[in-house]
């Protein structure tokens, strides 16, 4: 896989997670912490 493309995907995933956590606040944040 193209490393640059892979890096972009990782950034996109991180942004999605961050946005979701911000939107739904505490409950979603707890879920992500439990999964990690």
C-alpha atoms as a PDB file:
ATOM      1  CA  UNK A   1       0.000   0.000   0.000  1.00  0.00           C
ATOM      2  CA  UNK A   2       1.126   3.536  -0.723  1.00  0.00           C
ATOM      3  CA  UNK A   3       2.513   4.914   2.598  1.00  0.00           C
ATOM      4  CA  UNK A   4       1.247   8.422   1.861  1.00  0.00           C
ATOM      5  CA  UNK A   5      -2.239   7.151   1.093  1.00  0.00           C
ATOM      6  CA  UNK A   6      -2.170   4.977   4.205  1.00  0.00           C
ATOM      7  CA  UNK A   7      -1.160   7.994   6.295  1.00  0.00           C
ATOM      8  CA  UNK A   8      -4.031  10.028   4.851  1.00  0.00           C
ATOM      9  CA  UNK A   9      -6.499   7.280   5.745  1.00  0.00           C
ATOM     10  CA  UNK A  10      -5.169   7.207   9.316  1.00  0.00           C
ATOM     11  CA  UNK A  11      -5.639  10.973   9.585  1.00  0.00           C
ATOM     12  CA  UNK A  12      -9.183  10.718   8.213  1.00  0.00           C
ATOM     13  CA  UNK A  13     -10.036   7.991  10.727  1.00  0.00           C
ATOM     14  CA  UNK A  14      -8.607  10.085  13.556  1.00  0.00           C
ATOM     15  CA  UNK A  15     -10.622  13.110  12.455  1.00  0.00           C
ATOM     16  CA  UNK A  16     -13.795  11.022  12.284  1.00  0.00           C
ATOM     17  CA  UNK A  17     -13.235   9.673  15.790  1.00  0.00           C
ATOM     18  CA  UNK A  18     -12.424  13.120  17.160  1.00  0.00           C
ATOM     19  CA  UNK A  19     -15.496  14.680  15.545  1.00  0.00           C
ATOM     20  CA  UNK A  20     -17.756  11.893  16.783  1.00  0.00           C
ATOM     21  CA  UNK A  21     -16.377  12.143  20.304  1.00  0.00           C
ATOM     22  CA  UNK A  22     -16.908  15.888  20.267  1.00  0.00           C
ATOM     23  CA  UNK A  23     -20.464  15.549  18.992  1.00  0.00           C
ATOM     24  CA  UNK A  24     -21.699  12.912  21.410  1.00  0.00           C
ATOM     25  CA  UNK A  25     -19.447  13.914  24.341  1.00  0.00           C
ATOM     26  CA  UNK A  26     -19.161  11.642  27.393  1.00  0.00           C
ATOM     27  CA  UNK A  27     -20.903   8.429  26.339  1.00  0.00           C
ATOM     28  CA  UNK A  28     -19.022   8.067  23.056  1.00  0.00           C
ATOM     29  CA  UNK A  29     -15.707   8.950  24.698  1.00  0.00           C
ATOM     30  CA  UNK A  30     -16.210   6.172  27.257  1.00  0.00           C
ATOM     31  CA  UNK A  31     -16.956   3.701  24.462  1.00  0.00           C
ATOM     32  CA  UNK A  32     -13.756   4.595  22.576  1.00  0.00           C
ATOM     33  CA  UNK A  33     -11.708   4.339  25.783  1.00  0.00           C
ATOM     34  CA  UNK A  34     -13.134   0.892  26.473  1.00  0.00           C
ATOM     35  CA  UNK A  35     -12.303  -0.285  22.939  1.00  0.00           C
ATOM     36  CA  UNK A  36      -8.693   0.936  23.071  1.00  0.00           C
END
